[in-house]
């Protein structure tokens, strides 16, 4: 059967040999660089739009600024900055002053630390917890048995109101911290300001979901 969709995750070629990294490089049966070149051209037009032009330029500058020893060549460069630092640097590059912080109640301690870090760096931080509004889960169609604690009142996570609160505050840039799977999707759809993710939720792995990937051949082999 002819392959019709991109599958870059399973490209068989070494990264330095791939067509996406070098002209005249190698490509698998279906390669978006080779077979969807019209989409690459369309994407370059997007970056010329006013709302993306400077954003894209500064994001790529920030990418490079995250490395040290660049004068030693690609094989010797090393990462030098944490994501929490890079978010602050990128926000400064874009002249963003008011940051939104949408966080999960389970990471309320971490949220305070993050808010303090960015406030100390001169940003105005508007933070909003997932339980804002104290709306019961019954209101979105859950029955009592589908709650974390059955047959008890239980406030829903409300990413839509988190987005609306930050929209109302006219934030320049929003940071997500530990929203649930699916709730993060709703927030990203409803938020007016551009968004980035500081950390994602993984209740088992201390909010480091890649730990399961790193241990896929040992402790988490059951995932395969």
N, C-alpha and C. Protein backbone atom coordinates (compact mmCIF):
# COMPACT_ATOMS: atom_id res chain seq x y z
N UNK A 1 0.85 -1.20 0.00
CA UNK A 1 0.00 0.00 0.00
C UNK A 1 0.88 1.25 0.00
N UNK A 2 0.55 2.20 -0.85
CA UNK A 2 1.33 3.43 -0.94
C UNK A 2 1.15 4.26 0.32
N UNK A 3 2.29 4.68 0.87
CA UNK A 3 2.23 5.52 2.08
C UNK A 3 1.81 6.93 1.69
N UNK A 4 0.90 7.52 2.48
CA UNK A 4 0.37 8.83 2.15
C UNK A 4 0.65 9.89 3.21
N UNK A 5 1.14 9.46 4.37
CA UNK A 5 1.31 10.42 5.45
C UNK A 5 2.73 10.40 5.99
N UNK A 6 3.10 11.51 6.58
CA UNK A 6 4.44 11.66 7.14
C UNK A 6 4.64 10.71 8.32
N UNK A 7 5.85 10.14 8.40
CA UNK A 7 6.21 9.25 9.51
C UNK A 7 7.67 9.49 9.90
N UNK A 8 7.99 10.76 10.12
CA UNK A 8 9.37 11.15 10.43
C UNK A 8 9.93 10.43 11.65
N UNK A 9 9.06 10.07 12.59
CA UNK A 9 9.53 9.42 13.82
C UNK A 9 10.22 8.09 13.53
N UNK A 10 9.90 7.46 12.40
CA UNK A 10 10.50 6.17 12.06
C UNK A 10 11.40 6.26 10.83
N UNK A 11 11.91 7.43 10.52
CA UNK A 11 12.85 7.57 9.40
C UNK A 11 14.08 6.69 9.67
N UNK A 12 14.51 5.87 8.70
CA UNK A 12 15.59 4.92 8.96
C UNK A 12 17.00 5.50 8.83
N UNK A 13 17.13 6.73 8.39
CA UNK A 13 18.44 7.28 8.10
C UNK A 13 19.02 8.08 9.27
N UNK A 14 20.33 8.09 9.36
CA UNK A 14 21.01 8.88 10.39
C UNK A 14 20.63 10.34 10.22
N UNK A 15 20.54 11.06 11.32
CA UNK A 15 20.03 12.43 11.26
C UNK A 15 20.85 13.30 10.32
N UNK A 16 22.16 13.12 10.29
CA UNK A 16 23.00 13.96 9.43
C UNK A 16 22.82 13.65 7.95
N UNK A 17 22.22 12.49 7.64
CA UNK A 17 22.05 12.09 6.24
C UNK A 17 20.66 12.42 5.70
N UNK A 18 19.78 12.87 6.54
CA UNK A 18 18.39 13.05 6.12
C UNK A 18 18.22 14.28 5.23
N UNK A 19 17.27 14.18 4.32
CA UNK A 19 16.99 15.28 3.41
C UNK A 19 16.55 16.53 4.14
N UNK A 20 15.93 16.37 5.30
CA UNK A 20 15.49 17.54 6.06
C UNK A 20 16.65 18.28 6.72
N UNK A 21 17.84 17.67 6.72
CA UNK A 21 19.00 18.29 7.34
C UNK A 21 20.07 18.72 6.35
N UNK A 22 20.07 18.10 5.18
CA UNK A 22 21.12 18.42 4.21
C UNK A 22 20.58 18.32 2.79
N UNK A 23 20.92 19.26 1.90
CA UNK A 23 20.49 19.16 0.50
C UNK A 23 20.98 17.86 -0.12
N UNK A 24 20.15 17.25 -0.93
CA UNK A 24 20.48 15.99 -1.58
C UNK A 24 20.64 14.84 -0.59
N UNK A 25 20.04 15.00 0.59
CA UNK A 25 20.10 13.93 1.59
C UNK A 25 19.16 12.79 1.24
N UNK A 26 19.11 11.81 2.12
CA UNK A 26 18.30 10.62 1.90
C UNK A 26 16.88 10.82 2.43
N UNK A 27 15.95 10.11 1.79
CA UNK A 27 14.55 10.21 2.20
C UNK A 27 13.90 8.84 2.12
N UNK A 28 12.98 8.54 3.05
CA UNK A 28 12.26 7.26 3.01
C UNK A 28 11.17 7.27 1.95
N UNK A 29 10.32 6.26 1.96
CA UNK A 29 9.28 6.12 0.93
C UNK A 29 8.39 7.35 0.86
N UNK A 30 8.02 7.88 2.01
CA UNK A 30 7.25 9.12 2.02
C UNK A 30 7.98 10.10 2.92
N UNK A 31 8.38 11.23 2.34
CA UNK A 31 9.14 12.23 3.09
C UNK A 31 8.48 13.59 2.88
N UNK A 32 8.03 14.26 3.94
CA UNK A 32 7.36 15.55 3.75
C UNK A 32 8.27 16.61 3.15
N UNK A 33 9.58 16.52 3.41
CA UNK A 33 10.49 17.49 2.80
C UNK A 33 10.48 17.36 1.29
N UNK A 34 10.46 16.12 0.80
CA UNK A 34 10.47 15.87 -0.65
C UNK A 34 9.07 15.91 -1.25
N UNK A 35 8.11 15.26 -0.59
CA UNK A 35 6.81 15.01 -1.21
C UNK A 35 5.76 16.07 -0.90
N UNK A 36 6.02 16.91 0.08
CA UNK A 36 5.08 17.98 0.42
C UNK A 36 5.78 19.33 0.42
N UNK A 37 6.63 19.52 -0.55
CA UNK A 37 7.41 20.76 -0.60
C UNK A 37 6.51 21.99 -0.72
N UNK A 38 5.32 21.81 -1.29
CA UNK A 38 4.40 22.94 -1.41
C UNK A 38 3.96 23.42 -0.02
N UNK A 39 3.92 22.52 0.95
CA UNK A 39 3.54 22.91 2.31
C UNK A 39 4.67 23.67 2.99
N UNK A 40 5.90 23.30 2.67
CA UNK A 40 7.03 24.08 3.20
C UNK A 40 6.96 25.50 2.68
N UNK A 41 6.67 25.66 1.39
CA UNK A 41 6.56 27.00 0.83
C UNK A 41 5.40 27.77 1.47
N UNK A 42 4.30 27.08 1.73
CA UNK A 42 3.16 27.73 2.38
C UNK A 42 3.53 28.16 3.80
N UNK A 43 4.32 27.33 4.48
CA UNK A 43 4.71 27.67 5.86
C UNK A 43 5.58 28.91 5.90
N UNK A 44 6.44 29.07 4.92
CA UNK A 44 7.32 30.25 4.90
C UNK A 44 6.52 31.54 4.73
N UNK A 45 5.38 31.44 4.05
CA UNK A 45 4.51 32.61 3.93
C UNK A 45 3.88 32.96 5.28
N UNK A 46 3.59 31.94 6.07
CA UNK A 46 3.02 32.18 7.40
C UNK A 46 3.97 33.02 8.24
N UNK A 47 5.28 32.72 8.15
CA UNK A 47 6.26 33.45 8.95
C UNK A 47 6.42 34.90 8.52
N UNK A 48 5.89 35.24 7.37
CA UNK A 48 5.94 36.63 6.92
C UNK A 48 4.77 37.46 7.47
N UNK A 49 3.79 36.78 8.06
CA UNK A 49 2.67 37.50 8.67
C UNK A 49 3.16 38.27 9.90
N UNK A 50 2.59 39.43 10.10
CA UNK A 50 3.03 40.28 11.21
C UNK A 50 2.98 39.58 12.55
N UNK A 51 1.96 38.75 12.77
CA UNK A 51 1.80 38.12 14.09
C UNK A 51 2.83 37.03 14.35
N UNK A 52 3.52 36.58 13.29
CA UNK A 52 4.50 35.51 13.48
C UNK A 52 5.93 35.90 13.16
N UNK A 53 6.14 36.93 12.38
CA UNK A 53 7.47 37.23 11.86
C UNK A 53 8.50 37.40 12.97
N UNK A 54 8.26 38.32 13.89
CA UNK A 54 9.23 38.54 14.97
C UNK A 54 9.21 37.40 15.98
N UNK A 55 8.05 36.81 16.19
CA UNK A 55 7.93 35.69 17.11
C UNK A 55 8.81 34.53 16.66
N UNK A 56 8.73 34.19 15.38
CA UNK A 56 9.53 33.09 14.84
C UNK A 56 11.01 33.42 14.87
N UNK A 57 11.36 34.66 14.55
CA UNK A 57 12.77 35.05 14.55
C UNK A 57 13.36 34.95 15.95
N UNK A 58 12.65 35.49 16.93
CA UNK A 58 13.16 35.46 18.30
C UNK A 58 13.17 34.04 18.87
N UNK A 59 12.22 33.21 18.48
CA UNK A 59 12.22 31.82 18.95
C UNK A 59 13.45 31.08 18.47
N UNK A 60 13.85 31.32 17.23
CA UNK A 60 15.05 30.68 16.71
C UNK A 60 16.32 31.24 17.34
N UNK A 61 16.31 32.53 17.63
CA UNK A 61 17.45 33.12 18.35
C UNK A 61 17.55 32.49 19.74
N UNK A 62 16.40 32.34 20.40
CA UNK A 62 16.39 31.73 21.73
C UNK A 62 16.89 30.29 21.69
N UNK A 63 16.53 29.57 20.65
CA UNK A 63 17.01 28.19 20.49
C UNK A 63 18.54 28.16 20.52
N UNK A 64 19.16 29.03 19.75
CA UNK A 64 20.62 29.08 19.71
C UNK A 64 21.21 29.57 21.02
N UNK A 65 20.52 30.52 21.66
CA UNK A 65 21.01 31.06 22.93
C UNK A 65 20.98 30.03 24.05
N UNK A 66 20.27 28.94 23.84
CA UNK A 66 20.21 27.89 24.86
C UNK A 66 21.43 27.00 24.90
N UNK A 67 22.39 27.25 24.02
CA UNK A 67 23.60 26.43 23.96
C UNK A 67 24.84 27.25 24.28
N UNK A 68 25.84 26.57 24.79
CA UNK A 68 27.15 27.18 25.05
C UNK A 68 28.21 26.47 24.21
N UNK A 69 29.38 27.09 24.14
CA UNK A 69 30.53 26.54 23.39
C UNK A 69 30.22 26.36 21.91
N UNK A 70 29.43 27.27 21.35
CA UNK A 70 29.07 27.16 19.94
C UNK A 70 30.27 27.35 19.02
N UNK A 71 31.29 28.03 19.53
CA UNK A 71 32.49 28.25 18.72
C UNK A 71 33.29 26.97 18.53
N UNK A 72 32.97 25.91 19.27
CA UNK A 72 33.72 24.65 19.17
C UNK A 72 33.14 23.71 18.12
N UNK A 73 32.05 24.11 17.46
CA UNK A 73 31.45 23.26 16.45
C UNK A 73 30.27 22.48 17.00
N UNK A 74 29.44 21.97 16.09
CA UNK A 74 28.18 21.34 16.48
C UNK A 74 28.38 20.15 17.41
N UNK A 75 29.43 19.38 17.18
CA UNK A 75 29.65 18.19 18.01
C UNK A 75 30.00 18.53 19.45
N UNK A 76 30.40 19.77 19.71
CA UNK A 76 30.88 20.14 21.05
C UNK A 76 29.94 21.10 21.78
N UNK A 77 28.89 21.56 21.12
CA UNK A 77 27.99 22.48 21.82
C UNK A 77 27.30 21.73 22.96
N UNK A 78 26.91 22.48 23.99
CA UNK A 78 26.25 21.85 25.13
C UNK A 78 25.09 22.72 25.60
N UNK A 79 24.04 22.08 26.11
CA UNK A 79 22.91 22.86 26.63
C UNK A 79 23.34 23.65 27.86
N UNK A 80 22.82 24.87 27.97
CA UNK A 80 23.30 25.75 29.04
C UNK A 80 22.18 26.38 29.87
N UNK A 81 20.93 26.21 29.45
CA UNK A 81 19.85 26.91 30.15
C UNK A 81 18.65 26.00 30.37
N UNK A 82 18.01 26.16 31.51
CA UNK A 82 16.78 25.41 31.79
C UNK A 82 15.61 26.04 31.04
N UNK A 83 14.54 25.29 30.92
CA UNK A 83 13.36 25.83 30.23
C UNK A 83 12.80 27.04 30.97
N UNK A 84 12.82 27.00 32.29
CA UNK A 84 12.28 28.14 33.04
C UNK A 84 13.08 29.41 32.75
N UNK A 85 14.39 29.26 32.52
CA UNK A 85 15.21 30.42 32.14
C UNK A 85 14.90 30.86 30.72
N UNK A 86 14.75 29.89 29.83
CA UNK A 86 14.52 30.23 28.43
C UNK A 86 13.18 30.94 28.23
N UNK A 87 12.17 30.55 29.00
CA UNK A 87 10.88 31.24 28.90
C UNK A 87 11.04 32.71 29.26
N UNK A 88 11.78 32.98 30.33
CA UNK A 88 12.01 34.37 30.75
C UNK A 88 12.79 35.14 29.69
N UNK A 89 13.82 34.52 29.14
CA UNK A 89 14.63 35.20 28.13
C UNK A 89 13.82 35.48 26.87
N UNK A 90 13.02 34.50 26.44
CA UNK A 90 12.21 34.69 25.25
C UNK A 90 11.17 35.79 25.47
N UNK A 91 10.56 35.79 26.64
CA UNK A 91 9.58 36.83 26.95
C UNK A 91 10.21 38.22 26.90
N UNK A 92 11.42 38.33 27.40
CA UNK A 92 12.13 39.62 27.33
C UNK A 92 12.45 39.99 25.89
N UNK A 93 12.87 39.02 25.09
CA UNK A 93 13.16 39.29 23.69
C UNK A 93 11.93 39.85 22.97
N UNK A 94 10.76 39.35 23.36
CA UNK A 94 9.51 39.76 22.71
C UNK A 94 8.86 40.96 23.40
N UNK A 95 9.52 41.48 24.43
CA UNK A 95 8.98 42.61 25.21
C UNK A 95 7.64 42.27 25.85
N UNK A 96 7.46 41.00 26.22
CA UNK A 96 6.28 40.60 26.97
C UNK A 96 6.49 40.98 28.43
N UNK A 97 5.53 41.65 29.03
CA UNK A 97 5.66 42.04 30.43
C UNK A 97 4.66 41.34 31.33
N UNK A 98 3.49 40.99 30.81
CA UNK A 98 2.45 40.37 31.64
C UNK A 98 2.32 38.89 31.26
N UNK A 99 2.72 38.03 32.16
CA UNK A 99 2.71 36.60 31.91
C UNK A 99 1.51 35.95 32.60
N UNK A 100 0.83 35.07 31.88
CA UNK A 100 -0.23 34.28 32.47
C UNK A 100 0.32 32.93 32.91
N UNK A 101 -0.12 32.45 34.05
CA UNK A 101 0.30 31.14 34.55
C UNK A 101 -0.96 30.32 34.86
N UNK A 102 -1.26 29.36 34.00
CA UNK A 102 -2.40 28.47 34.19
C UNK A 102 -1.88 27.17 34.77
N UNK A 103 -2.32 26.84 35.99
CA UNK A 103 -1.72 25.69 36.66
C UNK A 103 -2.77 24.77 37.28
N UNK A 104 -2.33 23.55 37.55
CA UNK A 104 -3.16 22.54 38.19
C UNK A 104 -3.08 22.69 39.70
N UNK A 105 -4.18 22.41 40.37
CA UNK A 105 -4.21 22.48 41.83
C UNK A 105 -3.16 21.56 42.45
N UNK A 106 -2.85 20.45 41.78
CA UNK A 106 -1.86 19.53 42.30
C UNK A 106 -0.44 20.07 42.25
N UNK A 107 -0.24 21.15 41.50
CA UNK A 107 1.08 21.78 41.41
C UNK A 107 1.03 23.21 41.97
N UNK A 108 0.19 23.41 42.97
CA UNK A 108 0.05 24.75 43.53
C UNK A 108 1.34 25.23 44.20
N UNK A 109 2.07 24.33 44.83
CA UNK A 109 3.35 24.72 45.44
C UNK A 109 4.33 25.15 44.37
N UNK A 110 4.43 24.34 43.32
CA UNK A 110 5.33 24.67 42.22
C UNK A 110 4.91 25.97 41.54
N UNK A 111 3.60 26.19 41.43
CA UNK A 111 3.09 27.40 40.80
C UNK A 111 3.53 28.65 41.56
N UNK A 112 3.50 28.59 42.87
CA UNK A 112 3.95 29.74 43.66
C UNK A 112 5.43 30.02 43.43
N UNK A 113 6.22 28.95 43.39
CA UNK A 113 7.65 29.12 43.14
C UNK A 113 7.88 29.75 41.77
N UNK A 114 7.18 29.22 40.76
CA UNK A 114 7.33 29.75 39.39
C UNK A 114 6.89 31.20 39.33
N UNK A 115 5.75 31.51 39.93
CA UNK A 115 5.27 32.90 39.92
C UNK A 115 6.27 33.83 40.59
N UNK A 116 6.86 33.39 41.69
CA UNK A 116 7.86 34.22 42.38
C UNK A 116 9.11 34.42 41.53
N UNK A 117 9.53 33.36 40.85
CA UNK A 117 10.72 33.46 40.00
C UNK A 117 10.51 34.52 38.92
N UNK A 118 9.37 34.46 38.25
CA UNK A 118 9.13 35.41 37.16
C UNK A 118 8.84 36.81 37.68
N UNK A 119 8.20 36.91 38.81
CA UNK A 119 7.99 38.24 39.41
C UNK A 119 9.33 38.87 39.77
N UNK A 120 10.23 38.07 40.32
CA UNK A 120 11.56 38.58 40.69
C UNK A 120 12.36 39.02 39.47
N UNK A 121 12.00 38.49 38.30
CA UNK A 121 12.68 38.88 37.06
C UNK A 121 12.02 40.10 36.42
N UNK A 122 11.04 40.67 37.09
CA UNK A 122 10.44 41.91 36.61
C UNK A 122 9.15 41.75 35.83
N UNK A 123 8.63 40.54 35.74
CA UNK A 123 7.38 40.33 35.02
C UNK A 123 6.18 40.51 35.95
N UNK A 124 5.06 40.91 35.37
CA UNK A 124 3.79 40.90 36.08
C UNK A 124 3.16 39.54 35.81
N UNK A 125 2.88 38.79 36.86
CA UNK A 125 2.37 37.42 36.70
C UNK A 125 0.90 37.36 37.13
N UNK A 126 0.07 36.88 36.21
CA UNK A 126 -1.34 36.64 36.50
C UNK A 126 -1.53 35.12 36.54
N UNK A 127 -1.81 34.57 37.70
CA UNK A 127 -1.93 33.12 37.83
C UNK A 127 -3.37 32.71 38.09
N UNK A 128 -3.74 31.55 37.56
CA UNK A 128 -5.12 31.08 37.71
C UNK A 128 -5.11 29.56 37.86
N UNK A 129 -5.77 29.08 38.91
CA UNK A 129 -5.80 27.66 39.25
C UNK A 129 -6.90 26.95 38.48
N UNK A 130 -6.75 25.64 38.30
CA UNK A 130 -7.70 24.89 37.47
C UNK A 130 -9.08 24.79 38.09
N UNK A 131 -9.20 24.93 39.39
CA UNK A 131 -10.49 24.78 40.06
C UNK A 131 -11.27 26.09 40.16
N UNK A 132 -10.78 27.13 39.51
CA UNK A 132 -11.47 28.42 39.53
C UNK A 132 -12.96 28.25 39.17
N UNK A 133 -13.82 28.88 39.95
CA UNK A 133 -15.26 28.82 39.71
C UNK A 133 -15.99 27.80 40.56
N UNK A 134 -15.25 26.79 41.05
CA UNK A 134 -15.84 25.75 41.91
C UNK A 134 -17.12 25.17 41.28
N UNK A 135 -17.04 24.84 39.98
CA UNK A 135 -18.19 24.26 39.28
C UNK A 135 -18.14 22.75 39.40
N UNK A 136 -19.24 22.15 39.81
CA UNK A 136 -19.26 20.70 40.02
C UNK A 136 -19.17 19.95 38.69
N UNK A 137 -18.53 18.80 38.73
CA UNK A 137 -18.36 17.98 37.52
C UNK A 137 -19.69 17.49 36.95
N UNK A 138 -20.72 17.45 37.78
CA UNK A 138 -22.04 17.07 37.27
C UNK A 138 -22.50 18.01 36.16
N UNK A 139 -22.01 19.25 36.17
CA UNK A 139 -22.46 20.25 35.20
C UNK A 139 -21.98 19.95 33.79
N UNK A 140 -20.95 19.10 33.65
CA UNK A 140 -20.48 18.74 32.30
C UNK A 140 -20.83 17.29 31.97
N UNK A 141 -21.79 16.73 32.71
CA UNK A 141 -22.34 15.43 32.34
C UNK A 141 -21.77 14.23 33.06
N UNK A 142 -20.90 14.42 34.04
CA UNK A 142 -20.40 13.28 34.79
C UNK A 142 -21.44 12.84 35.81
N UNK A 143 -21.56 11.53 35.99
CA UNK A 143 -22.37 11.06 37.11
C UNK A 143 -21.46 10.89 38.33
N UNK A 144 -22.06 10.66 39.47
CA UNK A 144 -21.28 10.64 40.71
C UNK A 144 -20.23 9.53 40.74
N UNK A 145 -20.49 8.42 40.03
CA UNK A 145 -19.53 7.32 40.03
C UNK A 145 -18.29 7.64 39.19
N UNK A 146 -18.36 8.64 38.36
CA UNK A 146 -17.23 9.00 37.49
C UNK A 146 -16.31 10.04 38.12
N UNK A 147 -16.58 10.43 39.33
CA UNK A 147 -15.73 11.39 40.02
C UNK A 147 -14.55 10.68 40.69
N UNK A 148 -13.54 11.44 41.06
CA UNK A 148 -12.39 10.87 41.77
C UNK A 148 -12.85 10.27 43.09
N UNK A 149 -13.69 10.99 43.79
CA UNK A 149 -14.31 10.48 45.02
C UNK A 149 -15.82 10.39 44.74
N UNK A 150 -16.32 9.19 44.47
CA UNK A 150 -17.73 9.04 44.08
C UNK A 150 -18.69 9.58 45.14
N UNK A 151 -19.79 10.10 44.62
CA UNK A 151 -20.92 10.54 45.46
C UNK A 151 -20.57 11.69 46.40
N UNK A 152 -19.60 12.48 46.00
CA UNK A 152 -19.23 13.67 46.77
C UNK A 152 -19.21 14.87 45.83
N UNK A 153 -19.49 16.07 46.32
CA UNK A 153 -19.31 17.26 45.48
C UNK A 153 -17.84 17.34 45.04
N UNK A 154 -17.62 17.66 43.78
CA UNK A 154 -16.24 17.70 43.27
C UNK A 154 -16.11 18.78 42.20
N UNK A 155 -15.31 19.78 42.48
CA UNK A 155 -15.10 20.86 41.52
C UNK A 155 -14.35 20.35 40.30
N UNK A 156 -14.85 20.73 39.14
CA UNK A 156 -14.20 20.33 37.90
C UNK A 156 -12.96 21.17 37.64
N UNK A 157 -12.01 20.59 36.92
CA UNK A 157 -10.95 21.39 36.32
C UNK A 157 -11.61 22.21 35.21
N UNK A 158 -11.33 23.48 35.16
CA UNK A 158 -12.02 24.36 34.21
C UNK A 158 -11.01 25.16 33.40
N UNK A 159 -10.39 24.51 32.40
CA UNK A 159 -9.40 25.21 31.60
C UNK A 159 -9.99 26.35 30.78
N UNK A 160 -11.28 26.25 30.45
CA UNK A 160 -11.91 27.33 29.69
C UNK A 160 -11.94 28.61 30.51
N UNK A 161 -12.30 28.50 31.80
CA UNK A 161 -12.32 29.71 32.62
C UNK A 161 -10.90 30.20 32.90
N UNK A 162 -9.94 29.28 32.98
CA UNK A 162 -8.55 29.72 33.13
C UNK A 162 -8.15 30.60 31.94
N UNK A 163 -8.51 30.14 30.74
CA UNK A 163 -8.19 30.93 29.54
C UNK A 163 -8.92 32.26 29.56
N UNK A 164 -10.19 32.25 29.95
CA UNK A 164 -10.97 33.49 29.96
C UNK A 164 -10.43 34.48 30.99
N UNK A 165 -9.99 33.98 32.14
CA UNK A 165 -9.41 34.87 33.16
C UNK A 165 -8.15 35.54 32.61
N UNK A 166 -7.31 34.78 31.93
CA UNK A 166 -6.08 35.36 31.38
C UNK A 166 -6.37 36.25 30.19
N UNK A 167 -7.38 35.89 29.39
CA UNK A 167 -7.80 36.78 28.31
C UNK A 167 -8.29 38.11 28.88
N UNK A 168 -9.06 38.04 29.96
CA UNK A 168 -9.59 39.24 30.59
C UNK A 168 -8.47 40.13 31.13
N UNK A 169 -7.37 39.50 31.56
CA UNK A 169 -6.22 40.25 32.07
C UNK A 169 -5.31 40.76 30.95
N UNK A 170 -5.62 40.35 29.71
CA UNK A 170 -4.84 40.75 28.53
C UNK A 170 -3.36 40.41 28.71
N UNK A 171 -3.11 39.16 29.06
CA UNK A 171 -1.73 38.70 29.20
C UNK A 171 -1.03 38.72 27.85
N UNK A 172 0.28 38.88 27.91
CA UNK A 172 1.09 38.88 26.69
C UNK A 172 1.51 37.48 26.28
N UNK A 173 1.69 36.61 27.28
CA UNK A 173 2.26 35.28 27.03
C UNK A 173 1.79 34.38 28.17
N UNK A 174 1.29 33.20 27.82
CA UNK A 174 0.76 32.29 28.83
C UNK A 174 1.66 31.07 29.01
N UNK A 175 1.78 30.63 30.25
CA UNK A 175 2.59 29.47 30.60
C UNK A 175 1.69 28.42 31.22
N UNK A 176 1.74 27.21 30.68
CA UNK A 176 0.96 26.10 31.23
C UNK A 176 1.82 25.29 32.19
N UNK A 177 1.23 24.95 33.33
CA UNK A 177 1.95 24.17 34.33
C UNK A 177 1.05 23.04 34.83
N UNK A 178 1.25 21.86 34.26
CA UNK A 178 0.64 20.65 34.77
C UNK A 178 -0.84 20.47 34.55
N UNK A 179 -1.42 21.06 33.51
CA UNK A 179 -2.83 20.82 33.24
C UNK A 179 -3.04 19.37 32.78
N UNK A 180 -4.22 18.84 33.07
CA UNK A 180 -4.54 17.45 32.71
C UNK A 180 -4.56 17.27 31.19
N UNK A 181 -4.38 16.01 30.76
CA UNK A 181 -4.53 15.68 29.35
C UNK A 181 -5.96 16.04 28.91
N UNK A 182 -6.08 16.76 27.84
CA UNK A 182 -7.38 17.22 27.36
C UNK A 182 -7.75 18.59 27.88
N UNK A 183 -7.53 18.81 29.16
CA UNK A 183 -7.76 20.16 29.70
C UNK A 183 -6.77 21.15 29.09
N UNK A 184 -5.53 20.69 28.92
CA UNK A 184 -4.54 21.57 28.29
C UNK A 184 -4.97 21.93 26.87
N UNK A 185 -5.59 20.97 26.18
CA UNK A 185 -6.04 21.22 24.80
C UNK A 185 -7.11 22.31 24.75
N UNK A 186 -8.05 22.25 25.70
CA UNK A 186 -9.10 23.26 25.75
C UNK A 186 -8.51 24.63 26.03
N UNK A 187 -7.58 24.69 26.99
CA UNK A 187 -6.95 25.97 27.30
C UNK A 187 -6.26 26.56 26.07
N UNK A 188 -5.51 25.73 25.37
CA UNK A 188 -4.77 26.22 24.21
C UNK A 188 -5.70 26.71 23.11
N UNK A 189 -6.87 26.11 23.00
CA UNK A 189 -7.85 26.54 22.01
C UNK A 189 -8.49 27.88 22.38
N UNK A 190 -8.70 28.11 23.65
CA UNK A 190 -9.47 29.27 24.09
C UNK A 190 -8.62 30.48 24.46
N UNK A 191 -7.34 30.31 24.68
CA UNK A 191 -6.49 31.42 25.09
C UNK A 191 -6.22 32.36 23.92
N UNK A 192 -6.25 33.65 24.19
CA UNK A 192 -5.96 34.65 23.16
C UNK A 192 -4.46 34.83 22.95
N UNK A 193 -3.70 34.86 24.03
CA UNK A 193 -2.26 35.12 23.94
C UNK A 193 -1.52 33.86 23.51
N UNK A 194 -0.35 34.01 22.91
CA UNK A 194 0.47 32.84 22.61
C UNK A 194 0.82 32.11 23.90
N UNK A 195 1.02 30.80 23.79
CA UNK A 195 1.22 29.97 24.98
C UNK A 195 2.47 29.11 24.83
N UNK A 196 3.04 28.75 25.97
CA UNK A 196 4.10 27.76 26.02
C UNK A 196 3.85 26.86 27.21
N UNK A 197 4.53 25.72 27.23
CA UNK A 197 4.34 24.74 28.30
C UNK A 197 5.62 24.65 29.12
N UNK A 198 5.51 24.90 30.41
CA UNK A 198 6.66 24.72 31.30
C UNK A 198 6.78 23.27 31.72
N UNK A 199 5.67 22.64 32.08
CA UNK A 199 5.69 21.24 32.49
C UNK A 199 4.33 20.62 32.22
N UNK A 200 4.35 19.32 31.90
CA UNK A 200 3.10 18.59 31.69
C UNK A 200 2.85 17.67 32.87
N UNK A 201 1.61 17.26 33.02
CA UNK A 201 1.24 16.41 34.16
C UNK A 201 1.57 14.95 33.89
N UNK A 202 2.22 14.32 34.85
CA UNK A 202 2.34 12.87 34.91
C UNK A 202 2.34 12.51 36.39
N UNK A 203 1.21 12.07 36.87
CA UNK A 203 1.05 11.84 38.31
C UNK A 203 1.97 10.74 38.83
N UNK A 204 2.29 9.77 37.99
CA UNK A 204 3.12 8.64 38.42
C UNK A 204 4.60 8.99 38.40
N UNK A 205 5.02 9.75 37.40
CA UNK A 205 6.45 9.96 37.16
C UNK A 205 6.93 11.35 37.55
N UNK A 206 6.25 11.98 38.50
CA UNK A 206 6.71 13.29 38.95
C UNK A 206 6.73 14.32 37.84
N UNK A 207 5.73 14.22 36.95
CA UNK A 207 5.57 15.18 35.85
C UNK A 207 6.74 15.13 34.86
N UNK A 208 7.29 13.94 34.69
CA UNK A 208 8.35 13.69 33.71
C UNK A 208 7.94 12.48 32.87
N UNK A 209 7.01 12.64 31.92
CA UNK A 209 6.49 11.49 31.18
C UNK A 209 7.54 10.75 30.37
N UNK A 210 8.63 11.42 30.02
CA UNK A 210 9.66 10.74 29.24
C UNK A 210 10.42 9.70 30.05
N UNK A 211 10.26 9.71 31.37
CA UNK A 211 10.91 8.68 32.18
C UNK A 211 10.47 7.29 31.74
N UNK A 212 9.21 7.15 31.36
CA UNK A 212 8.72 5.86 30.87
C UNK A 212 9.38 5.49 29.55
N UNK A 213 9.63 6.48 28.72
CA UNK A 213 10.29 6.23 27.43
C UNK A 213 11.74 5.83 27.66
N UNK A 214 12.42 6.53 28.58
CA UNK A 214 13.82 6.21 28.87
C UNK A 214 13.97 4.79 29.41
N UNK A 215 12.94 4.27 30.07
CA UNK A 215 12.98 2.94 30.67
C UNK A 215 12.09 1.94 29.94
N UNK A 216 11.87 2.18 28.66
CA UNK A 216 10.93 1.37 27.89
C UNK A 216 11.37 -0.09 27.77
N UNK A 217 12.67 -0.35 27.84
CA UNK A 217 13.17 -1.73 27.72
C UNK A 217 13.36 -2.40 29.07
N UNK A 218 13.01 -1.70 30.14
CA UNK A 218 13.15 -2.31 31.47
C UNK A 218 11.86 -2.16 32.25
N UNK A 219 11.78 -1.17 33.13
CA UNK A 219 10.65 -1.08 34.03
C UNK A 219 9.32 -0.78 33.35
N UNK A 220 9.36 -0.13 32.19
CA UNK A 220 8.11 0.22 31.51
C UNK A 220 7.95 -0.54 30.20
N UNK A 221 8.52 -1.75 30.15
CA UNK A 221 8.41 -2.57 28.94
C UNK A 221 6.97 -2.96 28.63
N UNK A 222 6.10 -2.93 29.63
CA UNK A 222 4.70 -3.29 29.40
C UNK A 222 4.00 -2.31 28.47
N UNK A 223 4.59 -1.13 28.26
CA UNK A 223 3.99 -0.15 27.35
C UNK A 223 4.16 -0.54 25.89
N UNK A 224 5.12 -1.42 25.62
CA UNK A 224 5.39 -1.78 24.22
C UNK A 224 4.34 -2.76 23.70
